[in-house]
Amino acid sequence: MSDINSTQVYEFVDENMRRAENILTVDFHFSTEVTADEAIAMVDKMVSMLDDSTDAVSKEFTAHRPSIYCKYPVEK
């Protein structure tokens, strides 16, 4: 669990948003053995489990999109 709260996250209003939704960018950290495809699959599964557990009146994710995968440099 994270010790970070909303006062520690940079927040701004995007006046050019085309949809009525909020976007939170989150970094997930994986061991060096995890490939980008595996990491994406893990996050997809986690989001799917959360979507399956919500009821019709609860707040929910509307979408997710992987955008950057930062890899540890390979030692030579």
PDB file of N, CA and C in Angstrom:
ATOM      1  N   MET A   1       0.838  -1.179   0.000  1.00  0.00           N
ATOM      2  CA  MET A   1       0.000   0.000   0.000  1.00  0.00           C
ATOM      3  C   MET A   1       0.879   1.236   0.000  1.00  0.00           C
ATOM      4  N   SER A   2       0.433   2.273  -0.609  1.00  0.00           N
ATOM      5  CA  SER A   2       1.207   3.500  -0.741  1.00  0.00           C
ATOM      6  C   SER A   2       0.948   4.447   0.430  1.00  0.00           C
ATOM      7  N   ASP A   3       1.990   5.185   0.795  1.00  0.00           N
ATOM      8  CA  ASP A   3       1.843   6.216   1.819  1.00  0.00           C
ATOM      9  C   ASP A   3       1.587   7.584   1.195  1.00  0.00           C
ATOM     10  N   ILE A   4       1.357   7.616  -0.107  1.00  0.00           N
ATOM     11  CA  ILE A   4       1.135   8.874  -0.820  1.00  0.00           C
ATOM     12  C   ILE A   4      -0.349   9.231  -0.762  1.00  0.00           C
ATOM     13  N   ASN A   5      -0.642  10.522  -0.541  1.00  0.00           N
ATOM     14  CA  ASN A   5      -2.036  10.966  -0.578  1.00  0.00           C
ATOM     15  C   ASN A   5      -2.169  12.066  -1.631  1.00  0.00           C
ATOM     16  N   SER A   6      -3.368  12.534  -1.834  1.00  0.00           N
ATOM     17  CA  SER A   6      -3.635  13.483  -2.923  1.00  0.00           C
ATOM     18  C   SER A   6      -2.881  14.803  -2.774  1.00  0.00           C
ATOM     19  N   THR A   7      -2.455  15.157  -1.573  1.00  0.00           N
ATOM     20  CA  THR A   7      -1.706  16.405  -1.421  1.00  0.00           C
ATOM     21  C   THR A   7      -0.283  16.280  -1.955  1.00  0.00           C
ATOM     22  N   GLN A   8       0.172  15.052  -2.214  1.00  0.00           N
ATOM     23  CA  GLN A   8       1.518  14.818  -2.717  1.00  0.00           C
ATOM     24  C   GLN A   8       1.542  14.549  -4.229  1.00  0.00           C
ATOM     25  N   VAL A   9       0.416  14.638  -4.871  1.00  0.00           N
ATOM     26  CA  VAL A   9       0.304  14.377  -6.308  1.00  0.00           C
ATOM     27  C   VAL A   9       0.047  15.690  -7.026  1.00  0.00           C
ATOM     28  N   TYR A  10       0.802  15.931  -8.096  1.00  0.00           N
ATOM     29  CA  TYR A  10       0.597  17.137  -8.893  1.00  0.00           C
ATOM     30  C   TYR A  10      -0.785  17.075  -9.522  1.00  0.00           C
ATOM     31  N   GLU A  11      -1.589  18.103  -9.320  1.00  0.00           N
ATOM     32  CA  GLU A  11      -2.957  18.138  -9.842  1.00  0.00           C
ATOM     33  C   GLU A  11      -3.157  19.404 -10.656  1.00  0.00           C
ATOM     34  N   PHE A  12      -3.834  19.271 -11.790  1.00  0.00           N
ATOM     35  CA  PHE A  12      -4.116  20.419 -12.633  1.00  0.00           C
ATOM     36  C   PHE A  12      -5.439  20.216 -13.366  1.00  0.00           C
ATOM     37  N   VAL A  13      -5.973  21.278 -13.911  1.00  0.00           N
ATOM     38  CA  VAL A  13      -7.195  21.224 -14.711  1.00  0.00           C
ATOM     39  C   VAL A  13      -6.801  21.396 -16.166  1.00  0.00           C
ATOM     40  N   ASP A  14      -7.179  20.448 -17.005  1.00  0.00           N
ATOM     41  CA  ASP A  14      -6.902  20.507 -18.439  1.00  0.00           C
ATOM     42  C   ASP A  14      -8.119  21.098 -19.137  1.00  0.00           C
ATOM     43  N   GLU A  15      -8.006  22.334 -19.523  1.00  0.00           N
ATOM     44  CA  GLU A  15      -9.128  23.037 -20.159  1.00  0.00           C
ATOM     45  C   GLU A  15      -9.446  22.485 -21.551  1.00  0.00           C
ATOM     46  N   ASN A  16      -8.580  21.627 -22.089  1.00  0.00           N
ATOM     47  CA  ASN A  16      -8.783  21.068 -23.427  1.00  0.00           C
ATOM     48  C   ASN A  16      -9.334  19.645 -23.415  1.00  0.00           C
ATOM     49  N   MET A  17      -9.720  19.137 -22.242  1.00  0.00           N
ATOM     50  CA  MET A  17     -10.268  17.777 -22.161  1.00  0.00           C
ATOM     51  C   MET A  17     -11.516  17.673 -23.020  1.00  0.00           C
ATOM     52  N   ARG A  18     -11.616  16.586 -23.755  1.00  0.00           N
ATOM     53  CA  ARG A  18     -12.756  16.375 -24.644  1.00  0.00           C
ATOM     54  C   ARG A  18     -13.810  15.448 -24.031  1.00  0.00           C
ATOM     55  N   ARG A  19     -13.480  14.826 -22.901  1.00  0.00           N
ATOM     56  CA  ARG A  19     -14.420  13.921 -22.239  1.00  0.00           C
ATOM     57  C   ARG A  19     -14.534  14.313 -20.771  1.00  0.00           C
ATOM     58  N   ALA A  20     -15.684  14.048 -20.193  1.00  0.00           N
ATOM     59  CA  ALA A  20     -15.898  14.355 -18.776  1.00  0.00           C
ATOM     60  C   ALA A  20     -15.368  13.199 -17.936  1.00  0.00           C
ATOM     61  N   GLU A  21     -14.051  13.207 -17.711  1.00  0.00           N
ATOM     62  CA  GLU A  21     -13.433  12.184 -16.880  1.00  0.00           C
ATOM     63  C   GLU A  21     -12.157  12.737 -16.269  1.00  0.00           C
ATOM     64  N   ASN A  22     -11.733  12.148 -15.187  1.00  0.00           N
ATOM     65  CA  ASN A  22     -10.477  12.503 -14.538  1.00  0.00           C
ATOM     66  C   ASN A  22      -9.454  11.416 -14.838  1.00  0.00           C
ATOM     67  N   ILE A  23      -8.184  11.794 -14.954  1.00  0.00           N
ATOM     68  CA  ILE A  23      -7.133  10.837 -15.278  1.00  0.00           C
ATOM     69  C   ILE A  23      -6.046  10.904 -14.210  1.00  0.00           C
ATOM     70  N   LEU A  24      -5.718   9.768 -13.622  1.00  0.00           N
ATOM     71  CA  LEU A  24      -4.632   9.639 -12.658  1.00  0.00           C
ATOM     72  C   LEU A  24      -3.544   8.781 -13.292  1.00  0.00           C
ATOM     73  N   THR A  25      -2.358   9.329 -13.419  1.00  0.00           N
ATOM     74  CA  THR A  25      -1.234   8.569 -13.953  1.00  0.00           C
ATOM     75  C   THR A  25      -0.503   7.917 -12.792  1.00  0.00           C
ATOM     76  N   VAL A  26      -0.285   6.605 -12.897  1.00  0.00           N
ATOM     77  CA  VAL A  26       0.311   5.825 -11.818  1.00  0.00           C
ATOM     78  C   VAL A  26       1.481   5.010 -12.371  1.00  0.00           C
ATOM     79  N   ASP A  27       2.563   4.930 -11.613  1.00  0.00           N
ATOM     80  CA  ASP A  27       3.692   4.079 -11.971  1.00  0.00           C
ATOM     81  C   ASP A  27       3.581   2.768 -11.213  1.00  0.00           C
ATOM     82  N   PHE A  28       3.659   1.647 -11.915  1.00  0.00           N
ATOM     83  CA  PHE A  28       3.742   0.327 -11.302  1.00  0.00           C
ATOM     84  C   PHE A  28       5.188  -0.127 -11.437  1.00  0.00           C
ATOM     85  N   HIS A  29       5.748  -0.704 -10.393  1.00  0.00           N
ATOM     86  CA  HIS A  29       7.138  -1.154 -10.412  1.00  0.00           C
ATOM     87  C   HIS A  29       7.161  -2.683 -10.434  1.00  0.00           C
ATOM     88  N   PHE A  30       7.987  -3.246 -11.318  1.00  0.00           N
ATOM     89  CA  PHE A  30       8.095  -4.693 -11.495  1.00  0.00           C
ATOM     90  C   PHE A  30       9.551  -5.120 -11.357  1.00  0.00           C
ATOM     91  N   SER A  31       9.765  -6.389 -11.065  1.00  0.00           N
ATOM     92  CA  SER A  31      11.136  -6.902 -11.025  1.00  0.00           C
ATOM     93  C   SER A  31      11.708  -6.886 -12.443  1.00  0.00           C
ATOM     94  N   THR A  32      13.012  -6.956 -12.550  1.00  0.00           N
ATOM     95  CA  THR A  32      13.668  -6.840 -13.857  1.00  0.00           C
ATOM     96  C   THR A  32      13.362  -8.020 -14.779  1.00  0.00           C
ATOM     97  N   GLU A  33      12.824  -9.102 -14.250  1.00  0.00           N
ATOM     98  CA  GLU A  33      12.479 -10.254 -15.089  1.00  0.00           C
ATOM     99  C   GLU A  33      11.168 -10.058 -15.855  1.00  0.00           C
ATOM    100  N   VAL A  34      10.389  -9.069 -15.482  1.00  0.00           N
ATOM    101  CA  VAL A  34       9.070  -8.843 -16.093  1.00  0.00           C
ATOM    102  C   VAL A  34       9.226  -8.034 -17.383  1.00  0.00           C
ATOM    103  N   THR A  35       8.682  -8.576 -18.478  1.00  0.00           N
ATOM    104  CA  THR A  35       8.714  -7.862 -19.759  1.00  0.00           C
ATOM    105  C   THR A  35       7.579  -6.846 -19.818  1.00  0.00           C
ATOM    106  N   ALA A  36       7.635  -5.966 -20.802  1.00  0.00           N
ATOM    107  CA  ALA A  36       6.561  -4.974 -20.973  1.00  0.00           C
ATOM    108  C   ALA A  36       5.228  -5.668 -21.216  1.00  0.00           C
ATOM    109  N   ASP A  37       5.212  -6.706 -22.060  1.00  0.00           N
ATOM    110  CA  ASP A  37       3.961  -7.425 -22.337  1.00  0.00           C
ATOM    111  C   ASP A  37       3.395  -8.075 -21.075  1.00  0.00           C
ATOM    112  N   GLU A  38       4.282  -8.649 -20.248  1.00  0.00           N
ATOM    113  CA  GLU A  38       3.827  -9.262 -18.998  1.00  0.00           C
ATOM    114  C   GLU A  38       3.287  -8.212 -18.033  1.00  0.00           C
ATOM    115  N   ALA A  39       3.966  -7.069 -17.945  1.00  0.00           N
ATOM    116  CA  ALA A  39       3.517  -5.991 -17.059  1.00  0.00           C
ATOM    117  C   ALA A  39       2.144  -5.479 -17.487  1.00  0.00           C
ATOM    118  N   ILE A  40       1.970  -5.286 -18.779  1.00  0.00           N
ATOM    119  CA  ILE A  40       0.673  -4.824 -19.300  1.00  0.00           C
ATOM    120  C   ILE A  40      -0.408  -5.845 -18.979  1.00  0.00           C
ATOM    121  N   ALA A  41      -0.104  -7.125 -19.155  1.00  0.00           N
ATOM    122  CA  ALA A  41      -1.084  -8.178 -18.857  1.00  0.00           C
ATOM    123  C   ALA A  41      -1.455  -8.186 -17.374  1.00  0.00           C
ATOM    124  N   MET A  42      -0.467  -7.973 -16.495  1.00  0.00           N
ATOM    125  CA  MET A  42      -0.739  -7.936 -15.054  1.00  0.00           C
ATOM    126  C   MET A  42      -1.668  -6.782 -14.698  1.00  0.00           C
ATOM    127  N   VAL A  43      -1.409  -5.606 -15.258  1.00  0.00           N
ATOM    128  CA  VAL A  43      -2.251  -4.439 -14.973  1.00  0.00           C
ATOM    129  C   VAL A  43      -3.642  -4.651 -15.562  1.00  0.00           C
ATOM    130  N   ASP A  44      -3.716  -5.196 -16.783  1.00  0.00           N
ATOM    131  CA  ASP A  44      -5.019  -5.493 -17.386  1.00  0.00           C
ATOM    132  C   ASP A  44      -5.830  -6.426 -16.491  1.00  0.00           C
ATOM    133  N   LYS A  45      -5.173  -7.462 -15.956  1.00  0.00           N
ATOM    134  CA  LYS A  45      -5.870  -8.418 -15.090  1.00  0.00           C
ATOM    135  C   LYS A  45      -6.351  -7.748 -13.810  1.00  0.00           C
ATOM    136  N   MET A  46      -5.496  -6.902 -13.220  1.00  0.00           N
ATOM    137  CA  MET A  46      -5.869  -6.206 -11.991  1.00  0.00           C
ATOM    138  C   MET A  46      -7.089  -5.303 -12.226  1.00  0.00           C
ATOM    139  N   VAL A  47      -7.075  -4.555 -13.323  1.00  0.00           N
ATOM    140  CA  VAL A  47      -8.194  -3.661 -13.638  1.00  0.00           C
ATOM    141  C   VAL A  47      -9.453  -4.476 -13.914  1.00  0.00           C
ATOM    142  N   SER A  48      -9.301  -5.581 -14.615  1.00  0.00           N
ATOM    143  CA  SER A  48     -10.450  -6.447 -14.905  1.00  0.00           C
ATOM    144  C   SER A  48     -11.072  -6.982 -13.620  1.00  0.00           C
ATOM    145  N   MET A  49     -10.243  -7.375 -12.660  1.00  0.00           N
ATOM    146  CA  MET A  49     -10.765  -7.870 -11.380  1.00  0.00           C
ATOM    147  C   MET A  49     -11.507  -6.764 -10.648  1.00  0.00           C
ATOM    148  N   LEU A  50     -11.002  -5.546 -10.692  1.00  0.00           N
ATOM    149  CA  LEU A  50     -11.687  -4.431 -10.036  1.00  0.00           C
ATOM    150  C   LEU A  50     -13.013  -4.125 -10.727  1.00  0.00           C
ATOM    151  N   ASP A  51     -13.022  -4.131 -12.071  1.00  0.00           N
ATOM    152  CA  ASP A  51     -14.255  -3.882 -12.812  1.00  0.00           C
ATOM    153  C   ASP A  51     -15.305  -4.938 -12.498  1.00  0.00           C
ATOM    154  N   ASP A  52     -14.873  -6.197 -12.368  1.00  0.00           N
ATOM    155  CA  ASP A  52     -15.807  -7.294 -12.083  1.00  0.00           C
ATOM    156  C   ASP A  52     -16.399  -7.200 -10.678  1.00  0.00           C
ATOM    157  N   SER A  53     -15.687  -6.525  -9.761  1.00  0.00           N
ATOM    158  CA  SER A  53     -16.140  -6.488  -8.374  1.00  0.00           C
ATOM    159  C   SER A  53     -17.015  -5.281  -8.051  1.00  0.00           C
ATOM    160  N   THR A  54     -17.210  -4.377  -9.005  1.00  0.00           N
ATOM    161  CA  THR A  54     -18.000  -3.182  -8.715  1.00  0.00           C
ATOM    162  C   THR A  54     -19.471  -3.423  -9.024  1.00  0.00           C
ATOM    163  N   ASP A  55     -20.333  -2.711  -8.306  1.00  0.00           N
ATOM    164  CA  ASP A  55     -21.751  -2.812  -8.601  1.00  0.00           C
ATOM    165  C   ASP A  55     -22.170  -1.640  -9.487  1.00  0.00           C
ATOM    166  N   ALA A  56     -23.409  -1.639  -9.912  1.00  0.00           N
ATOM    167  CA  ALA A  56     -23.887  -0.666 -10.896  1.00  0.00           C
ATOM    168  C   ALA A  56     -23.853   0.778 -10.411  1.00  0.00           C
ATOM    169  N   VAL A  57     -23.869   1.007  -9.113  1.00  0.00           N
ATOM    170  CA  VAL A  57     -23.929   2.373  -8.611  1.00  0.00           C
ATOM    171  C   VAL A  57     -22.594   2.875  -8.067  1.00  0.00           C
ATOM    172  N   SER A  58     -21.563   2.039  -8.098  1.00  0.00           N
ATOM    173  CA  SER A  58     -20.286   2.441  -7.522  1.00  0.00           C
ATOM    174  C   SER A  58     -19.466   3.274  -8.499  1.00  0.00           C
ATOM    175  N   LYS A  59     -18.486   3.971  -7.970  1.00  0.00           N
ATOM    176  CA  LYS A  59     -17.537   4.693  -8.807  1.00  0.00           C
ATOM    177  C   LYS A  59     -16.621   3.654  -9.442  1.00  0.00           C
ATOM    178  N   GLU A  60     -16.178   3.900 -10.678  1.00  0.00           N
ATOM    179  CA  GLU A  60     -15.396   2.875 -11.350  1.00  0.00           C
ATOM    180  C   GLU A  60     -14.382   3.469 -12.317  1.00  0.00           C
ATOM    181  N   PHE A  61     -13.462   2.601 -12.760  1.00  0.00           N
ATOM    182  CA  PHE A  61     -12.554   2.978 -13.838  1.00  0.00           C
ATOM    183  C   PHE A  61     -13.363   3.108 -15.120  1.00  0.00           C
ATOM    184  N   THR A  62     -13.033   4.066 -15.951  1.00  0.00           N
ATOM    185  CA  THR A  62     -13.680   4.155 -17.262  1.00  0.00           C
ATOM    186  C   THR A  62     -12.771   3.628 -18.361  1.00  0.00           C
ATOM    187  N   ALA A  63     -11.452   3.602 -18.121  1.00  0.00           N
ATOM    188  CA  ALA A  63     -10.503   3.085 -19.112  1.00  0.00           C
ATOM    189  C   ALA A  63      -9.116   3.039 -18.488  1.00  0.00           C
ATOM    190  N   HIS A  64      -8.215   2.344 -19.143  1.00  0.00           N
ATOM    191  CA  HIS A  64      -6.803   2.408 -18.782  1.00  0.00           C
ATOM    192  C   HIS A  64      -5.974   2.213 -20.043  1.00  0.00           C
ATOM    193  N   ARG A  65      -4.768   2.811 -20.043  1.00  0.00           N
ATOM    194  CA  ARG A  65      -3.935   2.763 -21.236  1.00  0.00           C
ATOM    195  C   ARG A  65      -2.465   2.802 -20.839  1.00  0.00           C
ATOM    196  N   PRO A  66      -1.733   1.732 -21.105  1.00  0.00           N
ATOM    197  CA  PRO A  66      -0.296   1.783 -20.865  1.00  0.00           C
ATOM    198  C   PRO A  66       0.342   2.817 -21.793  1.00  0.00           C
ATOM    199  N   SER A  67       1.310   3.583 -21.273  1.00  0.00           N
ATOM    200  CA  SER A  67       1.910   4.601 -22.128  1.00  0.00           C
ATOM    201  C   SER A  67       3.429   4.573 -22.144  1.00  0.00           C
ATOM    202  N   ILE A  68       4.077   4.241 -21.044  1.00  0.00           N
ATOM    203  CA  ILE A  68       5.537   4.228 -20.992  1.00  0.00           C
ATOM    204  C   ILE A  68       5.984   3.027 -20.165  1.00  0.00           C
ATOM    205  N   TYR A  69       7.017   2.331 -20.628  1.00  0.00           N
ATOM    206  CA  TYR A  69       7.614   1.249 -19.850  1.00  0.00           C
ATOM    207  C   TYR A  69       9.098   1.548 -19.732  1.00  0.00           C
ATOM    208  N   CYS A  70       9.550   1.904 -18.559  1.00  0.00           N
ATOM    209  CA  CYS A  70      10.945   2.242 -18.308  1.00  0.00           C
ATOM    210  C   CYS A  70      11.680   0.992 -17.848  1.00  0.00           C
ATOM    211  N   LYS A  71      12.752   0.623 -18.577  1.00  0.00           N
ATOM    212  CA  LYS A  71      13.497  -0.588 -18.256  1.00  0.00           C
ATOM    213  C   LYS A  71      14.837  -0.251 -17.610  1.00  0.00           C
ATOM    214  N   TYR A  72      15.266  -1.127 -16.714  1.00  0.00           N
ATOM    215  CA  TYR A  72      16.571  -1.015 -16.088  1.00  0.00           C
ATOM    216  C   TYR A  72      17.629  -1.329 -17.144  1.00  0.00           C
ATOM    217  N   PRO A  73      18.728  -0.583 -17.179  1.00  0.00           N
ATOM    218  CA  PRO A  73      19.741  -0.856 -18.204  1.00  0.00           C
ATOM    219  C   PRO A  73      20.346  -2.249 -18.048  1.00  0.00           C
ATOM    220  N   VAL A  74      20.589  -2.893 -19.168  1.00  0.00           N
ATOM    221  CA  VAL A  74      21.206  -4.218 -19.174  1.00  0.00           C
ATOM    222  C   VAL A  74      22.695  -4.074 -18.898  1.00  0.00           C
ATOM    223  N   GLU A  75      23.176  -4.879 -17.964  1.00  0.00           N
ATOM    224  CA  GLU A  75      24.588  -4.830 -17.664  1.00  0.00           C
ATOM    225  C   GLU A  75      25.366  -5.581 -18.730  1.00  0.00           C
ATOM    226  N   LYS A  76      26.511  -5.011 -19.160  1.00  0.00           N
ATOM    227  CA  LYS A  76      27.327  -5.656 -20.206  1.00  0.00           C
ATOM    228  C   LYS A  76      28.547  -6.294 -19.622  1.00  0.00           C
TER     229      LYS A  76
END
